[in-house]
N, C-alpha and C. Protein backbone atom coordinates (compact mmCIF):
# COMPACT_ATOMS: atom_id res chain seq x y z
N MET A 1 -25.41 300.61 -106.78
CA MET A 1 -26.02 301.57 -105.34
C MET A 1 -25.27 300.30 -104.13
N CYS A 2 -25.35 298.94 -104.33
CA CYS A 2 -24.87 298.22 -103.55
C CYS A 2 -23.08 299.00 -103.17
N THR A 3 -22.09 298.84 -103.92
CA THR A 3 -21.08 299.11 -104.29
C THR A 3 -20.76 300.76 -103.62
N ASN A 4 -21.84 301.78 -103.62
CA ASN A 4 -21.38 302.69 -103.31
C ASN A 4 -21.86 302.36 -101.80
N MET A 5 -22.85 301.90 -101.50
CA MET A 5 -22.83 301.68 -99.75
C MET A 5 -22.17 301.40 -99.28
N VAL A 6 -21.17 299.93 -100.11
CA VAL A 6 -20.24 299.39 -99.55
C VAL A 6 -19.15 300.54 -98.93
N ARG A 7 -18.94 301.08 -99.99
CA ARG A 7 -17.82 301.99 -99.87
C ARG A 7 -17.54 302.94 -99.05
N GLN A 8 -19.13 303.54 -98.99
CA GLN A 8 -19.58 304.27 -97.49
C GLN A 8 -19.48 304.00 -96.28
N LEU A 9 -20.11 302.67 -96.03
CA LEU A 9 -19.89 301.96 -94.93
C LEU A 9 -18.01 301.20 -94.86
N TRP A 10 -17.02 301.39 -95.34
CA TRP A 10 -15.88 300.58 -95.44
C TRP A 10 -15.30 301.08 -94.46
N PRO A 11 -14.90 302.76 -94.07
CA PRO A 11 -14.56 303.48 -93.06
C PRO A 11 -14.96 302.82 -91.88
N TYR A 12 -16.36 303.05 -91.40
CA TYR A 12 -16.92 303.03 -90.28
C TYR A 12 -16.17 301.10 -89.67
N ALA A 13 -16.66 300.09 -90.78
CA ALA A 13 -16.49 298.91 -90.73
C ALA A 13 -14.86 298.56 -90.49
N VAL A 14 -13.80 299.27 -90.96
CA VAL A 14 -12.44 299.27 -90.25
C VAL A 14 -12.59 300.05 -89.21
N ALA A 15 -12.99 301.41 -88.89
CA ALA A 15 -13.10 302.19 -87.57
C ALA A 15 -13.39 301.07 -86.39
N PHE A 16 -14.60 299.98 -87.00
CA PHE A 16 -14.92 299.25 -85.94
C PHE A 16 -14.03 297.89 -85.52
N PHE A 17 -13.32 297.62 -87.08
CA PHE A 17 -12.98 296.30 -86.30
C PHE A 17 -11.44 296.74 -85.72
N ALA A 18 -10.85 298.21 -86.07
CA ALA A 18 -9.86 298.56 -85.47
C ALA A 18 -10.23 299.26 -83.32
N ALA A 19 -11.57 299.65 -83.71
CA ALA A 19 -11.91 299.97 -82.54
C ALA A 19 -12.45 297.95 -81.57
N ILE A 20 -12.57 297.49 -82.26
CA ILE A 20 -12.35 295.88 -81.13
C ILE A 20 -11.05 295.65 -81.09
N PHE A 21 -10.43 295.71 -82.23
CA PHE A 21 -8.72 295.23 -82.03
C PHE A 21 -7.71 295.84 -80.98
N ALA A 22 -8.31 297.28 -80.88
CA ALA A 22 -7.58 298.10 -80.13
C ALA A 22 -8.10 297.18 -78.70
N PHE A 23 -9.08 297.19 -78.69
CA PHE A 23 -9.86 296.99 -77.20
C PHE A 23 -9.27 295.33 -76.66
N ALA A 24 -9.16 294.78 -77.60
CA ALA A 24 -8.56 293.61 -77.45
C ALA A 24 -7.32 293.77 -76.62
N LYS A 25 -6.25 294.54 -77.74
CA LYS A 25 -5.05 294.72 -77.04
C LYS A 25 -5.09 295.21 -75.99
N ARG A 26 -5.84 296.11 -75.58
CA ARG A 26 -5.73 297.23 -74.19
C ARG A 26 -6.05 295.79 -73.41
N LYS A 27 -6.55 294.76 -73.62
CA LYS A 27 -7.14 293.59 -72.36
C LYS A 27 -5.89 293.03 -72.26
N VAL A 28 -5.27 292.49 -73.04
CA VAL A 28 -3.51 291.68 -73.64
C VAL A 28 -3.46 292.59 -72.71
N ILE A 29 -2.80 293.61 -73.05
CA ILE A 29 -1.66 294.47 -72.07
C ILE A 29 -2.02 294.57 -71.06
N SER A 30 -3.01 294.94 -70.44
CA SER A 30 -3.97 295.03 -69.14
C SER A 30 -3.19 293.71 -68.41
N ALA A 31 -3.79 292.42 -68.82
CA ALA A 31 -3.49 291.74 -68.49
C ALA A 31 -1.94 291.08 -68.41
N THR A 32 -1.33 290.94 -69.16
CA THR A 32 0.00 291.14 -69.09
C THR A 32 1.08 291.91 -67.86
N LEU A 33 0.36 293.43 -67.89
CA LEU A 33 0.81 294.58 -67.05
C LEU A 33 0.80 293.81 -65.66
N GLU A 34 -0.22 293.25 -65.45
CA GLU A 34 -0.90 292.91 -64.33
C GLU A 34 -0.30 291.61 -63.49
N LYS A 35 -0.58 290.62 -64.66
CA LYS A 35 0.53 289.26 -64.26
C LYS A 35 2.67 289.91 -64.37
N ALA A 36 3.04 290.64 -64.75
CA ALA A 36 4.33 291.10 -64.62
C ALA A 36 4.22 291.62 -63.59
N LYS A 37 3.10 292.63 -62.30
CA LYS A 37 3.30 292.94 -61.26
C LYS A 37 3.43 292.23 -60.16
N VAL A 38 1.83 291.89 -60.44
CA VAL A 38 2.43 290.48 -59.16
C VAL A 38 3.46 289.61 -59.16
N SER A 39 4.09 289.43 -60.30
CA SER A 39 5.49 288.45 -60.13
C SER A 39 6.32 288.93 -59.39
N ALA A 40 6.47 290.38 -60.59
CA ALA A 40 7.83 291.42 -59.38
C ALA A 40 7.34 291.17 -57.79
N SER A 41 6.19 291.44 -57.59
CA SER A 41 5.93 291.51 -56.44
C SER A 41 5.99 290.31 -55.33
N ASN A 42 5.71 289.04 -55.74
CA ASN A 42 6.29 288.06 -54.87
C ASN A 42 7.57 287.75 -55.12
N LYS A 43 8.28 287.97 -56.10
CA LYS A 43 10.08 287.56 -56.22
C LYS A 43 10.39 288.94 -54.84
N PHE A 44 9.94 290.35 -55.00
CA PHE A 44 10.31 291.01 -54.04
C PHE A 44 10.29 291.21 -52.54
N TRP A 45 8.82 290.43 -52.67
CA TRP A 45 8.65 290.30 -50.90
C TRP A 45 9.74 289.10 -50.39
N SER A 46 9.71 287.94 -51.37
CA SER A 46 10.13 286.52 -51.21
C SER A 46 12.25 286.95 -50.81
N TRP A 47 12.83 287.92 -51.79
CA TRP A 47 13.79 288.62 -51.35
C TRP A 47 14.05 289.02 -50.83
N LEU A 48 13.09 289.94 -50.22
CA LEU A 48 13.02 290.74 -49.04
C LEU A 48 13.43 289.76 -47.70
N SER A 49 12.34 288.91 -47.46
CA SER A 49 11.82 287.70 -46.53
C SER A 49 13.74 286.79 -46.37
N GLY A 50 14.02 286.56 -47.96
CA GLY A 50 15.21 286.11 -47.31
C GLY A 50 16.58 286.98 -46.99
N LYS A 51 16.66 287.90 -47.13
CA LYS A 51 17.41 289.19 -45.98
C LYS A 51 17.23 289.30 -44.66
N VAL A 52 15.86 288.98 -44.44
CA VAL A 52 15.35 290.02 -43.56
C VAL A 52 14.53 288.97 -42.18
N ALA A 53 15.64 287.95 -42.03
CA ALA A 53 14.57 286.79 -41.29
C ALA A 53 14.38 286.84 -39.88
N PRO A 54 12.89 286.28 -39.67
CA PRO A 54 12.23 286.65 -38.79
C PRO A 54 13.48 285.91 -37.62
N THR A 55 13.53 286.91 -36.39
CA THR A 55 13.82 286.26 -35.34
C THR A 55 13.15 285.36 -34.49
N GLN A 56 14.21 284.10 -34.09
CA GLN A 56 13.21 282.72 -33.63
C GLN A 56 12.88 282.70 -31.86
N LYS A 57 11.62 282.28 -31.99
CA LYS A 57 11.48 282.43 -30.90
C LYS A 57 12.41 281.72 -29.60
N ASN A 58 13.21 280.54 -30.36
CA ASN A 58 14.04 279.62 -29.07
C ASN A 58 15.71 280.43 -29.29
N ASN A 59 15.79 281.81 -29.27
CA ASN A 59 17.39 281.58 -28.73
C ASN A 59 17.82 282.74 -27.57
N GLY A 60 16.71 281.83 -26.89
CA GLY A 60 16.48 282.65 -25.09
C GLY A 60 17.84 282.07 -24.44
N ARG A 61 18.53 282.04 -24.00
CA ARG A 61 19.67 281.84 -22.67
C ARG A 61 19.04 281.91 -21.54
N THR A 62 19.20 281.00 -20.53
CA THR A 62 19.14 281.62 -18.93
C THR A 62 20.75 280.80 -18.27
N TYR A 63 21.40 281.52 -17.78
CA TYR A 63 22.72 281.56 -16.95
C TYR A 63 21.88 281.46 -15.46
N LYS A 64 22.40 280.71 -15.04
CA LYS A 64 22.44 280.56 -13.43
C LYS A 64 23.91 280.34 -12.76
N GLY A 65 23.92 281.19 -11.39
CA GLY A 65 24.73 280.54 -10.74
C GLY A 65 25.56 281.32 -10.17
N THR A 66 26.59 281.92 -9.31
CA THR A 66 26.59 283.09 -8.02
C THR A 66 27.09 284.15 -9.66
N PHE A 67 26.77 285.43 -9.21
CA PHE A 67 27.00 286.45 -10.49
C PHE A 67 29.13 286.80 -9.30
N GLN A 68 29.43 287.04 -10.89
CA GLN A 68 30.80 287.27 -10.23
C GLN A 68 31.48 289.19 -10.57
N GLY A 69 30.39 289.46 -11.24
CA GLY A 69 30.94 290.79 -11.76
C GLY A 69 30.54 291.21 -13.23
N TYR A 70 30.15 292.23 -13.46
CA TYR A 70 29.84 292.77 -15.00
C TYR A 70 31.10 293.76 -15.46
N PHE A 71 31.81 293.76 -16.31
CA PHE A 71 33.13 293.96 -16.92
C PHE A 71 33.00 294.51 -18.01
N GLU A 72 33.72 295.51 -18.37
CA GLU A 72 33.92 295.91 -20.31
C GLU A 72 35.25 295.21 -20.48
N TYR A 73 35.81 294.97 -22.17
CA TYR A 73 37.20 294.56 -22.19
C TYR A 73 37.72 295.69 -22.08
N ALA A 74 39.07 295.51 -22.26
CA ALA A 74 40.26 296.43 -22.58
C ALA A 74 40.40 296.56 -23.80
N ASN A 75 40.62 295.63 -24.58
CA ASN A 75 40.64 295.96 -25.96
C ASN A 75 39.30 296.19 -26.89
N TYR A 76 39.72 297.19 -27.83
CA TYR A 76 38.73 297.65 -29.10
C TYR A 76 38.47 296.34 -29.41
N PRO A 77 36.68 296.27 -29.57
CA PRO A 77 35.81 296.90 -29.46
C PRO A 77 35.27 297.04 -28.08
N ARG A 78 34.80 298.00 -27.35
CA ARG A 78 34.70 298.15 -25.75
C ARG A 78 33.05 297.35 -25.84
N GLU A 79 33.03 296.19 -25.84
CA GLU A 79 32.05 295.26 -25.40
C GLU A 79 32.41 295.12 -23.72
N CYS A 80 31.16 294.77 -23.23
CA CYS A 80 30.63 294.25 -21.88
C CYS A 80 30.85 292.55 -21.52
N TYR A 81 30.64 291.94 -21.13
CA TYR A 81 30.32 290.32 -20.28
C TYR A 81 30.40 290.57 -18.73
N PHE A 82 29.45 289.87 -18.48
CA PHE A 82 29.63 289.12 -16.79
C PHE A 82 30.13 287.70 -16.67
N GLU A 83 29.74 287.49 -15.58
CA GLU A 83 31.27 286.10 -15.36
C GLU A 83 29.90 285.48 -14.33
N VAL A 84 29.70 284.34 -14.02
CA VAL A 84 28.55 283.61 -13.61
C VAL A 84 29.29 282.02 -13.15
N ILE A 85 29.46 281.49 -12.11
CA ILE A 85 30.07 280.01 -11.58
C ILE A 85 29.19 279.66 -11.60
N GLN A 86 28.99 278.08 -11.91
CA GLN A 86 28.13 277.80 -11.65
C GLN A 86 28.93 275.92 -11.49
N ASP A 87 28.70 274.95 -10.66
CA ASP A 87 29.01 274.18 -10.30
C ASP A 87 30.71 273.82 -10.80
N GLY A 88 31.21 274.91 -10.23
CA GLY A 88 32.87 275.03 -10.51
C GLY A 88 33.14 275.59 -11.71
N VAL A 89 32.31 275.53 -12.25
CA VAL A 89 32.07 276.07 -14.09
C VAL A 89 32.50 277.56 -14.51
N GLU A 90 33.09 278.10 -14.76
CA GLU A 90 33.06 279.78 -14.59
C GLU A 90 32.79 280.25 -16.62
N THR A 91 31.63 281.17 -16.04
CA THR A 91 30.82 281.17 -17.58
C THR A 91 31.29 282.79 -17.97
N LYS A 92 31.89 283.05 -19.27
CA LYS A 92 31.95 284.58 -19.29
C LYS A 92 31.05 284.24 -20.56
N VAL A 93 30.31 285.26 -20.44
CA VAL A 93 29.08 286.13 -21.33
C VAL A 93 29.38 287.56 -21.79
N PRO A 94 29.73 287.33 -22.98
CA PRO A 94 29.54 289.05 -24.13
C PRO A 94 28.33 289.14 -24.01
N VAL A 95 28.08 290.50 -23.64
CA VAL A 95 26.82 290.83 -23.35
C VAL A 95 26.52 292.55 -24.43
N SER A 96 25.50 293.04 -24.56
CA SER A 96 25.42 294.74 -24.96
C SER A 96 25.27 295.55 -23.76
N ARG A 97 25.79 296.80 -23.86
CA ARG A 97 26.51 297.60 -22.38
C ARG A 97 24.32 297.45 -21.81
N THR A 98 24.50 297.83 -21.11
CA THR A 98 22.98 297.29 -20.29
C THR A 98 23.27 297.80 -18.84
N ASN A 99 22.29 298.43 -17.86
CA ASN A 99 22.41 298.54 -16.80
C ASN A 99 21.22 298.09 -15.73
N LEU A 100 21.29 296.71 -16.20
CA LEU A 100 20.19 295.64 -15.62
C LEU A 100 21.40 295.02 -14.71
N LEU A 101 22.41 295.29 -14.99
CA LEU A 101 23.09 294.58 -13.42
C LEU A 101 24.09 294.87 -12.42
N SER A 102 23.54 296.96 -12.74
CA SER A 102 24.81 297.75 -11.69
C SER A 102 24.14 297.30 -10.62
N GLY A 103 23.04 297.15 -10.16
CA GLY A 103 22.94 296.74 -9.22
C GLY A 103 22.78 295.38 -8.37
N VAL A 104 23.57 294.50 -8.83
CA VAL A 104 23.81 293.21 -8.62
C VAL A 104 25.00 292.76 -8.03
N GLN A 105 25.19 292.51 -6.70
CA GLN A 105 26.67 292.58 -6.12
C GLN A 105 27.10 290.88 -6.58
N PRO A 106 28.60 291.14 -6.45
CA PRO A 106 29.39 289.91 -6.79
C PRO A 106 29.07 289.22 -5.08
N GLY A 107 28.83 287.90 -6.21
CA GLY A 107 28.95 286.63 -4.38
C GLY A 107 27.53 285.99 -4.85
N ILE A 108 26.29 286.85 -5.55
CA ILE A 108 25.22 286.68 -5.13
C ILE A 108 24.35 285.72 -6.18
N LEU A 109 23.26 284.43 -6.47
CA LEU A 109 23.11 283.96 -6.93
C LEU A 109 22.34 283.98 -7.18
N VAL A 110 22.20 283.97 -9.40
CA VAL A 110 21.01 284.84 -9.79
C VAL A 110 21.19 283.72 -11.19
N GLU A 111 20.09 284.10 -11.71
CA GLU A 111 19.26 283.90 -13.12
C GLU A 111 18.98 285.28 -14.08
N ILE A 112 20.26 285.00 -14.88
CA ILE A 112 20.17 285.97 -16.06
C ILE A 112 19.57 285.28 -17.20
N ASP A 113 18.65 285.57 -17.82
CA ASP A 113 17.85 285.70 -18.88
C ASP A 113 18.15 286.31 -20.03
N THR A 114 19.10 286.01 -20.96
CA THR A 114 19.20 286.60 -21.98
C THR A 114 18.68 286.07 -24.09
N GLU A 115 19.09 286.81 -24.67
CA GLU A 115 18.25 286.61 -26.20
C GLU A 115 19.36 286.97 -27.22
N VAL A 116 20.06 285.53 -27.72
CA VAL A 116 21.02 285.62 -28.80
C VAL A 116 20.63 286.70 -29.98
N VAL A 117 21.56 287.42 -30.23
CA VAL A 117 21.28 288.42 -31.19
C VAL A 117 21.97 287.93 -32.92
N PRO A 118 21.08 287.04 -33.82
CA PRO A 118 21.52 286.30 -34.68
C PRO A 118 22.82 287.50 -35.84
N GLY A 119 24.04 287.67 -36.23
CA GLY A 119 24.90 288.14 -36.69
C GLY A 119 25.95 288.99 -35.93
N PHE A 120 25.18 289.07 -34.68
CA PHE A 120 26.65 290.02 -33.43
C PHE A 120 26.97 288.93 -32.54
N LYS A 121 28.23 289.50 -32.10
CA LYS A 121 29.26 288.78 -31.31
C LYS A 121 28.50 288.71 -29.60
N PHE A 122 27.71 289.19 -29.50
CA PHE A 122 26.73 289.32 -28.22
C PHE A 122 25.97 289.26 -27.47
N GLU A 123 25.42 288.83 -26.30
CA GLU A 123 23.83 288.60 -26.42
C GLU A 123 22.84 289.86 -25.90
N VAL A 124 21.97 289.74 -25.56
CA VAL A 124 21.16 291.57 -25.03
C VAL A 124 20.63 290.78 -24.02
N ILE A 125 20.63 291.16 -22.56
CA ILE A 125 20.02 290.65 -21.41
C ILE A 125 18.81 291.04 -21.35
N MET A 126 17.76 290.54 -20.74
CA MET A 126 16.16 290.62 -20.87
C MET A 126 16.24 290.26 -19.52
N ARG A 127 16.55 289.68 -18.43
CA ARG A 127 16.02 289.58 -16.96
C ARG A 127 17.31 289.00 -16.21
N VAL A 128 17.19 289.74 -15.52
CA VAL A 128 17.77 289.33 -13.79
C VAL A 128 17.42 289.12 -12.68
N ARG A 129 17.09 287.77 -12.12
CA ARG A 129 16.08 287.31 -11.26
C ARG A 129 17.37 287.18 -10.02
N LYS A 130 17.76 287.22 -8.70
CA LYS A 130 18.21 286.62 -7.66
C LYS A 130 17.58 285.83 -7.31
N ARG A 131 18.22 284.97 -6.36
CA ARG A 131 17.87 283.24 -6.19
C ARG A 131 18.03 283.32 -4.79
N GLN A 132 17.54 282.51 -4.18
CA GLN A 132 17.73 282.21 -2.73
C GLN A 132 18.56 281.13 -2.73
N HIS A 133 19.04 280.28 -1.95
CA HIS A 133 19.68 279.33 -2.15
C HIS A 133 18.77 277.97 -1.95
């Protein structure tokens, strides 16, 4: 009678152990996939932050002196520049195209704040101030 009962319960026992094995296997697979997802996410964001560097706050410049003019280069690429003379030193600064210097007359004392754009050959004018002697 015992052997007959064992034969009847055997499929249930196998199903029970198979269910426990499947549950444990599911937990292991789920944990492995979660770790792979976190690792891939961390690698992606570290790669992206390396490619897209944040702009630094200390990349601004200020030019002071007598404004000489706002000009456009004759050759390609058609970029613009302004000239400032301070203490006998002439400074020519390539900048992006802007209207901030359109109202400034040559010979006026100015302070021009620019921001250096990493990877480009020009600066961006942020502010223009007229100075008194």
